N, C-alpha and C. Protein backbone atom coordinates (compact mmCIF):
# COMPACT_ATOMS: atom_id res chain seq x y z
N UNK A 1 200.53 107.38 -20.06
CA UNK A 1 199.87 107.55 -18.99
C UNK A 1 201.47 107.92 -17.92
N UNK A 2 202.08 108.56 -18.14
CA UNK A 2 202.06 108.59 -19.60
C UNK A 2 203.29 108.05 -19.86
N UNK A 3 202.87 107.49 -21.45
CA UNK A 3 203.78 106.31 -21.63
C UNK A 3 204.97 106.41 -22.22
N UNK A 4 205.65 107.81 -22.10
CA UNK A 4 206.76 108.54 -22.82
C UNK A 4 207.29 108.50 -21.39
N UNK A 5 208.65 107.74 -21.70
CA UNK A 5 209.37 107.42 -20.48
C UNK A 5 210.31 109.37 -19.84
N UNK A 6 209.47 109.74 -18.90
CA UNK A 6 210.66 111.05 -19.03
C UNK A 6 211.80 110.69 -17.51
N UNK A 7 212.99 111.26 -17.97
CA UNK A 7 214.15 111.49 -16.65
C UNK A 7 213.73 112.59 -15.96
N UNK A 8 213.93 112.11 -14.81
CA UNK A 8 213.94 113.22 -14.00
C UNK A 8 215.26 113.26 -12.73
N UNK A 9 214.84 113.67 -11.52
CA UNK A 9 215.70 113.31 -10.78
C UNK A 9 215.90 111.71 -10.06
N UNK A 10 217.16 110.84 -10.12
CA UNK A 10 217.27 109.57 -10.07
C UNK A 10 218.04 109.39 -8.68
N UNK A 11 218.07 108.26 -8.55
CA UNK A 11 218.66 107.74 -7.51
C UNK A 11 218.32 107.60 -6.12
N UNK A 12 219.44 106.95 -5.18
CA UNK A 12 218.40 106.19 -4.20
C UNK A 12 219.18 107.23 -2.75
N UNK A 13 220.27 108.10 -3.13
CA UNK A 13 220.33 109.03 -2.00
C UNK A 13 220.37 110.55 -3.01
N UNK A 14 219.24 111.38 -2.88
CA UNK A 14 219.05 112.77 -3.88
C UNK A 14 220.14 113.37 -2.90
N UNK A 15 221.25 113.93 -4.25
CA UNK A 15 222.03 115.03 -3.50
C UNK A 15 223.10 114.15 -3.34
N UNK A 16 223.03 113.04 -3.42
CA UNK A 16 224.73 112.18 -3.25
C UNK A 16 225.18 112.14 -4.85
N UNK A 17 226.55 111.23 -4.92
CA UNK A 17 227.55 111.82 -5.81
C UNK A 17 226.63 110.91 -6.71
N UNK A 18 226.35 109.22 -5.81
CA UNK A 18 226.12 107.94 -6.90
C UNK A 18 224.66 108.53 -7.64
N UNK A 19 224.07 109.42 -6.86
CA UNK A 19 222.43 109.44 -7.49
C UNK A 19 222.77 110.64 -8.52
N UNK A 20 224.06 111.54 -8.53
CA UNK A 20 223.97 112.67 -9.57
C UNK A 20 224.84 111.70 -10.90
N UNK A 21 225.82 110.49 -10.82
CA UNK A 21 225.99 110.10 -11.93
C UNK A 21 224.90 108.95 -12.17
N UNK A 22 224.16 108.78 -11.42
CA UNK A 22 223.12 107.62 -12.65
C UNK A 22 222.60 108.58 -13.16
N UNK A 23 221.82 110.10 -12.57
CA UNK A 23 220.87 111.04 -13.46
C UNK A 23 221.66 111.55 -14.77
N UNK A 24 223.04 111.70 -14.58
CA UNK A 24 224.11 111.96 -15.47
C UNK A 24 223.93 110.88 -16.35
N UNK A 25 224.27 109.95 -16.30
CA UNK A 25 224.58 108.76 -17.22
C UNK A 25 222.81 108.32 -17.87
N UNK A 26 222.06 108.71 -17.22
CA UNK A 26 220.83 107.79 -18.01
C UNK A 26 220.31 109.02 -18.68
N UNK A 27 220.52 110.40 -18.25
CA UNK A 27 219.87 111.40 -19.30
C UNK A 27 221.16 111.20 -20.71
N UNK A 28 222.03 110.91 -20.70
CA UNK A 28 222.96 111.18 -21.14
C UNK A 28 222.63 109.34 -22.41
N UNK A 29 222.21 108.69 -22.10
CA UNK A 29 221.99 107.66 -22.45
C UNK A 29 220.73 108.20 -23.65
N UNK A 30 219.83 108.14 -23.06
CA UNK A 30 218.63 108.99 -23.58
C UNK A 30 218.53 109.83 -24.94
N UNK A 31 219.71 110.57 -24.06
CA UNK A 31 220.09 111.67 -25.67
C UNK A 31 220.70 111.31 -26.38
N UNK A 32 221.67 109.99 -26.40
CA UNK A 32 222.94 109.31 -27.51
C UNK A 32 221.27 108.77 -27.87
N UNK A 33 220.37 107.78 -27.94
CA UNK A 33 219.65 106.94 -28.15
C UNK A 33 218.90 107.60 -29.11
N UNK A 34 218.21 108.98 -28.29
CA UNK A 34 217.85 109.38 -29.61
C UNK A 34 218.59 109.88 -30.72
N UNK A 35 219.88 110.65 -30.64
CA UNK A 35 220.14 110.76 -31.44
C UNK A 35 221.23 110.22 -32.27
N UNK A 36 221.18 108.54 -32.12
CA UNK A 36 222.02 107.54 -33.09
C UNK A 36 221.42 106.64 -32.80
N UNK A 37 220.55 106.51 -32.37
CA UNK A 37 219.47 105.07 -32.15
C UNK A 37 220.04 103.86 -31.66
N UNK A 38 219.31 102.65 -31.62
CA UNK A 38 219.92 101.66 -30.59
C UNK A 38 221.80 101.08 -31.30
N UNK A 39 221.54 101.12 -32.60
CA UNK A 39 222.38 100.14 -33.32
C UNK A 39 223.94 100.93 -33.27
N UNK A 40 223.68 102.26 -32.96
CA UNK A 40 224.93 103.34 -33.34
C UNK A 40 225.11 103.87 -31.42
N UNK A 41 224.65 103.41 -30.95
CA UNK A 41 224.85 103.64 -29.33
C UNK A 41 225.91 103.23 -28.18
N UNK A 42 226.74 103.63 -28.52
CA UNK A 42 228.16 103.22 -27.67
C UNK A 42 228.44 103.47 -26.06
N UNK A 43 229.04 102.99 -25.60
CA UNK A 43 229.06 103.53 -23.79
C UNK A 43 230.25 104.44 -23.88
N UNK A 44 230.94 104.53 -24.91
CA UNK A 44 231.81 105.34 -25.12
C UNK A 44 231.35 107.29 -25.18
N UNK A 45 230.35 107.10 -26.11
CA UNK A 45 229.81 108.00 -26.77
C UNK A 45 228.89 108.75 -25.04
N UNK A 46 228.27 107.74 -24.75
CA UNK A 46 227.60 108.29 -23.14
C UNK A 46 228.56 108.29 -22.18
N UNK A 47 229.45 107.67 -22.20
CA UNK A 47 230.33 108.12 -20.92
C UNK A 47 231.03 109.85 -21.41
N UNK A 48 231.57 110.08 -22.41
CA UNK A 48 231.89 111.37 -23.11
C UNK A 48 230.64 112.35 -22.72
N UNK A 49 229.30 112.30 -22.72
CA UNK A 49 228.16 113.01 -22.50
C UNK A 49 228.02 113.13 -21.34
N UNK A 50 228.40 112.18 -20.21
CA UNK A 50 227.55 112.07 -18.96
C UNK A 50 228.91 112.65 -18.20
N UNK A 51 230.15 112.75 -18.70
CA UNK A 51 231.49 113.43 -17.98
C UNK A 51 231.92 111.94 -16.69
N UNK A 52 231.74 111.08 -17.60
CA UNK A 52 231.57 109.18 -16.46
C UNK A 52 233.00 109.07 -17.29
N UNK A 53 233.49 108.06 -16.50
CA UNK A 53 234.69 106.99 -16.70
C UNK A 53 234.23 106.02 -17.78
N UNK A 54 234.42 105.36 -17.90
CA UNK A 54 233.91 103.93 -18.92
C UNK A 54 233.68 102.58 -17.73
N UNK A 55 234.80 102.47 -16.72
CA UNK A 55 234.68 101.96 -15.94
C UNK A 55 233.86 101.22 -14.94
N UNK A 56 233.33 102.92 -14.42
CA UNK A 56 232.13 103.29 -13.84
C UNK A 56 230.84 103.00 -14.81
N UNK A 57 231.04 102.93 -15.77
CA UNK A 57 229.57 102.06 -16.50
C UNK A 57 229.96 100.80 -16.69
N UNK A 58 230.70 100.55 -17.26
CA UNK A 58 230.61 99.00 -16.84
C UNK A 58 230.48 98.16 -15.57
N UNK A 59 230.86 98.92 -14.51
CA UNK A 59 230.51 98.06 -13.45
C UNK A 59 229.79 98.60 -12.84
N UNK A 60 228.73 99.38 -13.27
CA UNK A 60 227.22 99.59 -12.63
C UNK A 60 226.44 98.90 -13.56
N UNK A 61 226.60 99.15 -14.73
CA UNK A 61 225.29 99.08 -15.44
C UNK A 61 225.86 97.79 -16.90
N UNK A 62 226.84 97.42 -16.79
CA UNK A 62 227.21 96.19 -17.76
C UNK A 62 227.50 96.65 -18.84
N UNK A 63 226.83 97.40 -19.47
CA UNK A 63 226.76 97.64 -21.32
C UNK A 63 225.36 98.49 -21.22
N UNK A 64 226.34 98.37 -22.98
CA UNK A 64 224.37 99.11 -23.34
C UNK A 64 222.93 98.79 -22.83
N UNK A 65 222.85 97.29 -22.91
CA UNK A 65 221.53 97.02 -22.80
C UNK A 65 221.35 97.36 -21.09
N UNK A 66 222.17 96.89 -20.18
CA UNK A 66 221.93 97.27 -18.83
C UNK A 66 221.41 98.80 -18.56
N UNK A 67 222.18 99.95 -19.03
CA UNK A 67 221.60 101.23 -19.14
C UNK A 67 220.43 101.65 -19.77
N UNK A 68 219.72 100.55 -20.96
CA UNK A 68 218.49 101.18 -21.59
C UNK A 68 217.82 100.81 -20.22
N UNK A 69 217.31 99.57 -20.01
CA UNK A 69 216.98 98.84 -18.61
C UNK A 69 216.96 99.97 -17.22
N UNK A 70 218.07 100.45 -17.25
CA UNK A 70 217.95 101.43 -16.17
C UNK A 70 216.96 102.61 -16.15
N UNK A 71 217.35 102.90 -17.54
CA UNK A 71 216.65 104.36 -18.06
C UNK A 71 214.73 103.87 -18.01
N UNK A 72 214.19 102.84 -18.14
CA UNK A 72 213.18 102.41 -18.04
C UNK A 72 212.65 102.16 -16.42
N UNK A 73 213.76 101.92 -15.51
CA UNK A 73 213.79 102.01 -14.15
C UNK A 73 213.69 103.34 -13.70
N UNK A 74 213.95 103.96 -14.16
CA UNK A 74 213.87 105.49 -13.41
C UNK A 74 212.81 106.08 -13.72
N UNK A 75 212.67 105.81 -14.89
CA UNK A 75 211.16 106.83 -15.62
C UNK A 75 209.80 106.04 -14.70
N UNK A 76 209.66 104.99 -14.70
CA UNK A 76 208.74 104.16 -13.87
C UNK A 76 209.03 104.60 -12.63
N UNK A 77 209.86 105.48 -12.12
CA UNK A 77 209.56 105.08 -10.63
C UNK A 77 209.33 107.06 -10.28
N UNK A 78 209.32 107.47 -11.42
CA UNK A 78 208.75 109.34 -11.63
C UNK A 78 207.63 109.04 -11.28
N UNK A 79 206.73 110.08 -10.57
CA UNK A 79 205.52 110.39 -10.16
C UNK A 79 204.72 111.09 -11.48
N UNK A 80 203.41 110.64 -11.93
CA UNK A 80 202.97 111.02 -12.91
C UNK A 80 201.31 111.30 -12.46
N UNK A 81 200.74 112.93 -12.39
CA UNK A 81 199.72 113.41 -12.29
C UNK A 81 197.85 112.62 -12.97
N UNK A 82 197.92 111.50 -12.45
CA UNK A 82 197.17 111.22 -13.99
C UNK A 82 195.46 111.62 -13.28
N UNK A 83 195.54 111.54 -14.59
CA UNK A 83 193.55 113.07 -14.56
C UNK A 83 192.53 112.32 -13.83
N UNK A 84 191.94 113.68 -13.65
CA UNK A 84 190.89 113.36 -12.53
C UNK A 84 189.63 114.52 -13.25
N UNK A 85 188.94 114.34 -13.45
CA UNK A 85 187.95 114.80 -14.11
C UNK A 85 186.51 114.86 -13.19
N UNK A 86 186.88 113.95 -12.55
CA UNK A 86 185.29 113.93 -11.82
C UNK A 86 184.33 112.41 -12.69
N UNK A 87 185.01 112.90 -13.97
CA UNK A 87 184.08 111.70 -14.70
C UNK A 87 185.22 110.28 -15.46
N UNK A 88 184.69 109.44 -14.99
CA UNK A 88 185.63 108.07 -15.52
C UNK A 88 186.06 108.30 -17.00
N UNK A 89 184.67 108.41 -17.96
CA UNK A 89 184.72 108.14 -18.95
C UNK A 89 185.98 109.15 -19.78
N UNK A 90 185.49 110.57 -19.23
CA UNK A 90 186.53 111.73 -19.59
C UNK A 90 187.83 111.26 -19.44
N UNK A 91 188.47 110.55 -17.98
CA UNK A 91 190.04 109.90 -17.71
C UNK A 91 190.16 109.14 -18.48
N UNK A 92 189.42 107.91 -19.03
CA UNK A 92 189.77 106.61 -19.25
C UNK A 92 190.60 107.37 -21.30
N UNK A 93 189.33 108.04 -21.23
CA UNK A 93 189.60 108.95 -22.53
C UNK A 93 190.90 110.01 -23.21
N UNK A 94 191.38 110.61 -21.80
CA UNK A 94 192.46 111.67 -21.92
C UNK A 94 193.97 110.37 -21.79
N UNK A 95 193.26 109.20 -20.47
CA UNK A 95 194.84 108.61 -20.73
C UNK A 95 195.45 107.79 -22.42
N UNK A 96 193.74 107.56 -22.99
CA UNK A 96 194.00 107.07 -24.20
C UNK A 96 194.56 108.28 -25.35
N UNK A 97 193.98 109.61 -25.16
CA UNK A 97 194.77 110.51 -25.87
C UNK A 97 195.93 110.69 -25.59
N UNK A 98 196.72 110.58 -24.77
CA UNK A 98 198.12 110.76 -24.12
C UNK A 98 199.10 109.84 -25.01
N UNK A 99 198.74 108.69 -25.05
CA UNK A 99 199.22 107.69 -25.79
C UNK A 99 199.34 108.04 -27.09
N UNK A 100 198.65 108.45 -27.82
CA UNK A 100 198.38 109.22 -28.72
C UNK A 100 199.08 110.04 -29.08
N UNK A 101 198.75 111.41 -28.44
CA UNK A 101 199.46 112.49 -28.32
C UNK A 101 201.06 112.00 -28.02
N UNK A 102 201.59 111.61 -27.50
CA UNK A 102 203.07 111.34 -27.04
C UNK A 102 203.94 110.49 -28.19
N UNK A 103 202.85 109.41 -29.43
CA UNK A 103 203.65 108.86 -29.97
C UNK A 103 203.10 109.32 -31.75
N UNK A 104 202.46 110.82 -31.62
CA UNK A 104 202.23 111.07 -33.16
C UNK A 104 203.23 112.39 -33.41
N UNK A 105 203.01 112.97 -31.26
CA UNK A 105 203.86 114.71 -31.97
C UNK A 105 204.85 114.38 -32.05
N UNK A 106 205.29 115.14 -33.39
CA UNK A 106 206.63 114.53 -33.48
C UNK A 106 207.96 115.35 -32.56
N UNK A 107 207.50 116.22 -31.86
CA UNK A 107 208.39 117.09 -30.45
C UNK A 107 208.12 115.97 -29.56
N UNK A 108 207.35 114.83 -29.05
CA UNK A 108 207.48 114.02 -28.08
C UNK A 108 207.75 112.85 -28.34
N UNK A 109 207.68 112.35 -29.55
CA UNK A 109 207.47 110.87 -29.55
C UNK A 109 208.92 110.34 -29.79
N UNK A 110 210.13 110.88 -30.56
CA UNK A 110 211.24 110.16 -30.40
C UNK A 110 212.20 109.86 -29.74
N UNK A 111 211.97 110.19 -28.50
CA UNK A 111 212.41 109.81 -27.39
C UNK A 111 211.95 108.22 -26.75
N UNK A 112 210.68 108.37 -26.48
CA UNK A 112 209.81 107.44 -25.91
C UNK A 112 209.68 106.07 -27.21
N UNK A 113 209.57 106.51 -28.32
CA UNK A 113 209.64 105.24 -29.45
C UNK A 113 211.17 105.01 -29.76
N UNK A 114 211.96 105.63 -29.36
CA UNK A 114 213.72 105.18 -29.24
C UNK A 114 213.92 104.10 -28.05
N UNK A 115 213.29 104.69 -27.40
CA UNK A 115 213.26 103.73 -25.61
C UNK A 115 213.32 102.33 -26.11
N UNK A 116 211.41 102.47 -26.26
CA UNK A 116 210.94 100.82 -26.53
C UNK A 116 211.53 100.54 -27.35
N UNK A 117 211.63 100.41 -28.26
CA UNK A 117 212.15 100.09 -29.80
C UNK A 117 213.92 99.60 -29.14
N UNK A 118 214.30 100.34 -28.56
CA UNK A 118 215.54 99.61 -27.91
C UNK A 118 215.45 98.59 -26.74
N UNK A 119 214.48 98.52 -26.01
CA UNK A 119 214.22 97.58 -24.73
C UNK A 119 213.91 96.60 -25.92
N UNK A 120 212.87 96.62 -26.85
CA UNK A 120 212.21 95.03 -27.34
C UNK A 120 213.87 94.46 -27.79
N UNK A 121 215.10 95.16 -28.01
CA UNK A 121 216.16 94.31 -29.01
C UNK A 121 216.94 93.39 -27.52
N UNK A 122 216.62 93.20 -26.42
CA UNK A 122 217.71 92.32 -25.20
C UNK A 122 216.03 91.80 -24.29
N UNK A 123 216.75 90.56 -23.87
CA UNK A 123 215.99 90.07 -22.76
C UNK A 123 215.98 91.55 -21.47
N UNK A 124 217.06 91.73 -21.10
CA UNK A 124 216.90 92.39 -20.29
C UNK A 124 216.41 93.84 -20.01
N UNK A 125 216.64 94.68 -21.05
CA UNK A 125 215.87 95.53 -21.36
C UNK A 125 213.74 95.62 -21.87
N UNK A 126 213.40 94.14 -21.80
CA UNK A 126 212.43 93.61 -22.08
C UNK A 126 211.84 93.43 -20.90
N UNK A 127 212.86 93.29 -19.83
CA UNK A 127 211.97 92.91 -18.74
C UNK A 127 211.97 94.25 -18.24
N UNK A 128 212.84 95.36 -18.39
CA UNK A 128 212.91 96.44 -17.69
C UNK A 128 211.39 96.99 -18.38
N UNK A 129 210.88 96.79 -19.58
CA UNK A 129 209.81 97.41 -20.43
C UNK A 129 208.78 96.74 -19.50
N UNK A 130 208.72 96.15 -19.53
CA UNK A 130 207.28 94.89 -18.46
C UNK A 130 207.07 95.64 -17.59
N UNK A 131 208.13 96.17 -16.54
CA UNK A 131 208.43 96.18 -15.39
C UNK A 131 207.78 97.92 -15.40
N UNK A 132 208.49 98.61 -16.18
CA UNK A 132 207.56 100.06 -15.98
C UNK A 132 206.52 99.77 -16.58
N UNK A 133 205.85 99.28 -17.71
CA UNK A 133 204.77 99.30 -17.95
C UNK A 133 204.20 98.92 -16.79
N UNK A 134 203.88 98.13 -16.12
CA UNK A 134 203.77 97.59 -15.11
C UNK A 134 202.93 98.50 -13.73
N UNK A 135 204.14 99.48 -13.63
CA UNK A 135 204.31 100.44 -12.79
C UNK A 135 203.05 101.68 -13.34
N UNK A 136 202.88 101.85 -14.49
CA UNK A 136 202.33 102.57 -14.87
C UNK A 136 200.54 102.37 -15.28
N UNK A 137 200.70 101.24 -15.20
CA UNK A 137 199.22 100.72 -15.34
C UNK A 137 198.96 100.40 -13.67
N UNK A 138 199.98 100.63 -13.32
CA UNK A 138 199.02 100.36 -11.69
C UNK A 138 199.14 101.53 -10.86
N UNK A 139 199.77 102.81 -11.90
CA UNK A 139 199.43 104.18 -11.17
C UNK A 139 197.95 104.44 -11.99
N UNK A 140 198.11 104.12 -13.08
CA UNK A 140 196.89 104.99 -13.61
C UNK A 140 195.34 104.25 -13.39
N UNK A 141 195.43 102.89 -12.99
CA UNK A 141 194.69 101.83 -12.31
C UNK A 141 193.76 103.33 -11.13
N UNK A 142 194.10 103.88 -10.48
CA UNK A 142 193.67 104.98 -9.45
C UNK A 142 192.30 105.47 -9.98
N UNK A 143 192.49 105.73 -11.26
CA UNK A 143 191.74 106.65 -11.92
C UNK A 143 190.08 105.79 -11.98
N UNK A 144 190.76 104.42 -12.40
CA UNK A 144 188.87 103.33 -12.03
C UNK A 144 188.90 103.04 -10.33
N UNK A 145 189.90 102.96 -9.76
CA UNK A 145 189.63 102.24 -8.48
C UNK A 145 188.25 103.70 -8.07
N UNK A 146 188.88 105.75 -8.03
CA UNK A 146 187.86 106.16 -7.87
C UNK A 146 186.93 106.43 -8.40
N UNK A 147 186.81 105.82 -9.77
CA UNK A 147 185.16 105.38 -10.61
C UNK A 147 184.48 104.77 -9.78
N UNK A 148 185.01 103.73 -9.24
CA UNK A 148 184.50 102.57 -8.61
C UNK A 148 183.74 103.64 -7.02
N UNK A 149 184.60 103.83 -6.33
CA UNK A 149 184.12 104.48 -5.42
C UNK A 149 182.70 105.37 -6.19
N UNK A 150 182.81 106.23 -6.34
CA UNK A 150 181.66 107.32 -7.41
C UNK A 150 180.42 106.63 -7.95
N UNK A 151 181.02 105.52 -8.02
CA UNK A 151 179.52 104.33 -8.50
C UNK A 151 179.59 104.60 -9.68
N UNK A 152 180.36 104.87 -10.94
CA UNK A 152 180.59 104.93 -12.44
C UNK A 152 181.06 104.08 -12.92
N UNK A 153 181.28 102.98 -12.27
CA UNK A 153 181.47 101.80 -12.64
C UNK A 153 181.57 100.49 -11.83
N UNK A 154 181.16 99.42 -12.38
CA UNK A 154 180.64 98.14 -10.79
C UNK A 154 181.95 97.93 -9.91
N UNK A 155 181.58 97.64 -9.44
CA UNK A 155 182.04 97.38 -8.19
C UNK A 155 183.53 96.40 -8.22
N UNK A 156 183.05 95.15 -9.09
CA UNK A 156 184.25 93.97 -9.21
C UNK A 156 185.24 94.09 -10.01
N UNK A 157 185.08 95.48 -10.80
CA UNK A 157 186.04 95.72 -12.34
C UNK A 157 187.49 95.65 -11.81
N UNK A 158 188.43 95.33 -12.68
CA UNK A 158 189.96 94.81 -12.10
C UNK A 158 190.29 96.43 -12.88
N UNK A 159 190.93 97.03 -11.87
CA UNK A 159 191.48 98.62 -12.34
C UNK A 159 192.48 98.56 -13.48
N UNK A 160 193.42 97.58 -13.32
CA UNK A 160 194.41 97.50 -14.08
C UNK A 160 194.20 96.97 -15.52
N UNK A 161 193.35 95.85 -15.34
CA UNK A 161 192.63 95.13 -17.25
C UNK A 161 191.91 96.69 -17.71
N UNK A 162 191.41 97.19 -16.98
CA UNK A 162 190.47 98.37 -17.69
C UNK A 162 191.56 99.23 -18.35
N UNK A 163 192.17 99.81 -17.50
CA UNK A 163 193.23 100.65 -18.16
C UNK A 163 194.07 100.00 -19.71
N UNK A 164 194.85 98.71 -19.38
CA UNK A 164 195.57 97.56 -20.02
C UNK A 164 194.93 97.69 -21.27
N UNK A 165 193.40 97.53 -21.12
CA UNK A 165 192.51 97.23 -22.47
C UNK A 165 192.50 98.70 -23.21
N UNK A 166 192.60 99.95 -22.48
CA UNK A 166 192.03 101.03 -23.22
C UNK A 166 193.73 101.58 -24.25
N UNK A 167 194.38 100.77 -23.51
CA UNK A 167 195.54 101.57 -24.32
C UNK A 167 196.58 100.76 -24.84
N UNK A 168 196.15 99.24 -25.13
CA UNK A 168 196.42 98.18 -25.61
C UNK A 168 196.99 97.94 -27.20
N UNK A 169 195.62 98.52 -27.62
CA UNK A 169 195.54 98.78 -28.95
C UNK A 169 196.21 100.12 -29.12
N UNK A 170 196.29 100.34 -28.96
CA UNK A 170 197.16 101.84 -29.55
C UNK A 170 198.95 100.83 -29.76
N UNK A 171 199.10 100.73 -28.73
CA UNK A 171 200.22 100.04 -28.77
C UNK A 171 200.87 98.99 -29.88
N UNK A 172 199.40 98.12 -30.04
CA UNK A 172 199.46 96.84 -31.14
C UNK A 172 199.45 97.90 -32.32
N UNK A 173 199.00 98.57 -32.48
CA UNK A 173 199.19 99.81 -34.26
C UNK A 173 200.75 100.95 -34.38
N UNK A 174 201.16 101.20 -32.99
CA UNK A 174 202.62 102.14 -32.77
C UNK A 174 203.80 100.79 -32.87
N UNK A 175 204.10 99.38 -32.38
CA UNK A 175 205.14 98.77 -32.28
C UNK A 175 204.56 97.29 -33.04
N UNK A 176 203.84 96.93 -33.17
CA UNK A 176 203.35 95.52 -34.00
C UNK A 176 203.05 95.52 -34.96
N UNK A 177 202.17 96.72 -35.69
CA UNK A 177 201.14 96.47 -37.22
C UNK A 177 201.70 97.64 -37.97
N UNK A 178 202.00 98.61 -37.32
CA UNK A 178 202.44 99.83 -38.04
C UNK A 178 201.41 100.94 -38.76
N UNK A 179 200.15 100.00 -38.35
CA UNK A 179 199.19 100.80 -38.80
C UNK A 179 198.77 102.39 -38.25
N UNK A 180 198.63 103.24 -38.88
CA UNK A 180 198.91 104.59 -38.34
C UNK A 180 197.47 104.57 -37.34
N UNK A 181 198.43 105.42 -36.29
CA UNK A 181 197.38 105.44 -35.26
C UNK A 181 196.54 107.19 -35.18
N UNK A 182 195.27 107.75 -35.22
CA UNK A 182 195.03 108.97 -34.83
C UNK A 182 193.84 109.13 -34.28
N UNK A 183 193.15 109.73 -33.66
CA UNK A 183 192.26 109.99 -32.73
C UNK A 183 191.23 109.54 -32.44
N UNK A 184 190.95 109.23 -33.64
CA UNK A 184 189.68 107.99 -33.75
C UNK A 184 189.99 106.74 -33.08
N UNK A 185 191.26 106.32 -33.27
CA UNK A 185 191.32 104.83 -32.62
C UNK A 185 191.65 105.04 -31.60
N UNK A 186 192.37 105.95 -31.10
CA UNK A 186 192.86 106.21 -29.56
C UNK A 186 191.24 106.21 -28.64
N UNK A 187 190.22 107.02 -29.15
CA UNK A 187 188.70 107.17 -28.62
C UNK A 187 187.66 105.48 -28.74
N UNK A 188 188.18 105.29 -29.68
CA UNK A 188 187.59 104.00 -29.75
C UNK A 188 188.11 102.67 -28.73
N UNK A 189 189.05 103.01 -28.81
CA UNK A 189 189.72 102.03 -27.99
C UNK A 189 189.44 102.36 -26.36
N UNK A 190 189.44 103.62 -25.98
CA UNK A 190 189.26 104.14 -24.71
C UNK A 190 187.62 103.65 -24.29
N UNK A 191 186.63 103.76 -25.22
CA UNK A 191 185.31 103.98 -25.27
C UNK A 191 185.06 102.12 -25.20
N UNK A 192 185.61 101.39 -26.04
CA UNK A 192 185.84 99.96 -26.08
C UNK A 192 185.84 98.73 -24.54
N UNK A 193 187.15 99.60 -24.11
CA UNK A 193 187.38 99.03 -22.75
C UNK A 193 186.96 99.60 -21.57
N UNK A 194 185.99 100.93 -21.69
CA UNK A 194 184.83 101.10 -20.35
C UNK A 194 183.16 100.37 -20.82
N UNK A 195 183.22 100.06 -22.36
CA UNK A 195 181.76 99.32 -22.74
C UNK A 195 181.96 97.81 -21.57
N UNK A 196 183.24 97.19 -21.95
CA UNK A 196 183.80 96.01 -22.04
C UNK A 196 183.53 95.98 -19.97
N UNK A 197 184.30 97.02 -19.44
CA UNK A 197 184.35 96.80 -17.45
C UNK A 197 182.78 97.00 -17.42
N UNK A 198 181.64 97.48 -17.98
CA UNK A 198 180.37 97.72 -17.71
C UNK A 198 179.43 96.63 -17.96
N UNK A 199 180.24 96.05 -18.78
CA UNK A 199 179.42 94.67 -18.93
C UNK A 199 180.03 93.56 -18.14
N UNK A 200 180.89 93.72 -17.47
CA UNK A 200 181.18 92.63 -16.64
C UNK A 200 182.57 92.35 -16.77
N UNK A 201 183.44 92.35 -18.06
CA UNK A 201 184.07 91.19 -18.70
C UNK A 201 185.10 91.68 -17.98
N UNK A 202 185.72 92.44 -17.01
CA UNK A 202 187.33 92.91 -16.51
C UNK A 202 186.56 92.62 -14.98
N UNK A 203 185.52 91.33 -14.37
CA UNK A 203 185.37 91.32 -13.12
C UNK A 203 186.43 90.74 -12.43
N UNK A 204 186.97 91.28 -11.35
CA UNK A 204 188.49 90.33 -10.89
C UNK A 204 187.98 88.94 -10.67
N UNK A 205 186.44 89.35 -10.35
CA UNK A 205 186.79 87.81 -9.30
C UNK A 205 186.09 86.97 -10.51
N UNK A 206 186.22 87.44 -11.81
CA UNK A 206 185.83 86.13 -12.63
C UNK A 206 187.49 84.55 -12.98
N UNK A 207 186.91 83.24 -13.41
CA UNK A 207 187.83 82.67 -12.93
C UNK A 207 189.00 82.89 -15.20
């Protein structure tokens, strides 16, 4: 939604040295993680690739888990153009299909899969992963908010709950059960979430 964390420009001072260092280090972290995996990831290799001193990394990030967490934080800050076809059914289907495509396309899946897997290896990373998905769900919820205004969904529907329900079964297959993920599963998850929303199961005012 996208659920593949992508790194663009980062930092609180665009063009400043601190922002450039953060961008270089986070980019290097993702590259090393993609190539080596979490178990072989080292601060030394990241520093060499980013062209920064180890002391800088340890002072600012604390170590590998801090770097993983910041990679997710940077990704969560990036804007994402959510679909707006004018039809909520198509929009929710597109959200689910993007998860499917991101994690099944050989050219796209390696980095986000490695980053999520690494994040689950530490409390710091897991917290950052939770914050990442919270940000993405809130961004994608605009699809539902627009649909309510158009009269395509009930006024009381919880936008985040609908988005979560449309994508959670896909992540369950990807990272919990390891079951194959195909287009039919993505379509079914989106359709089920929309059906539940129209049935009132995601009413924000419900107890």
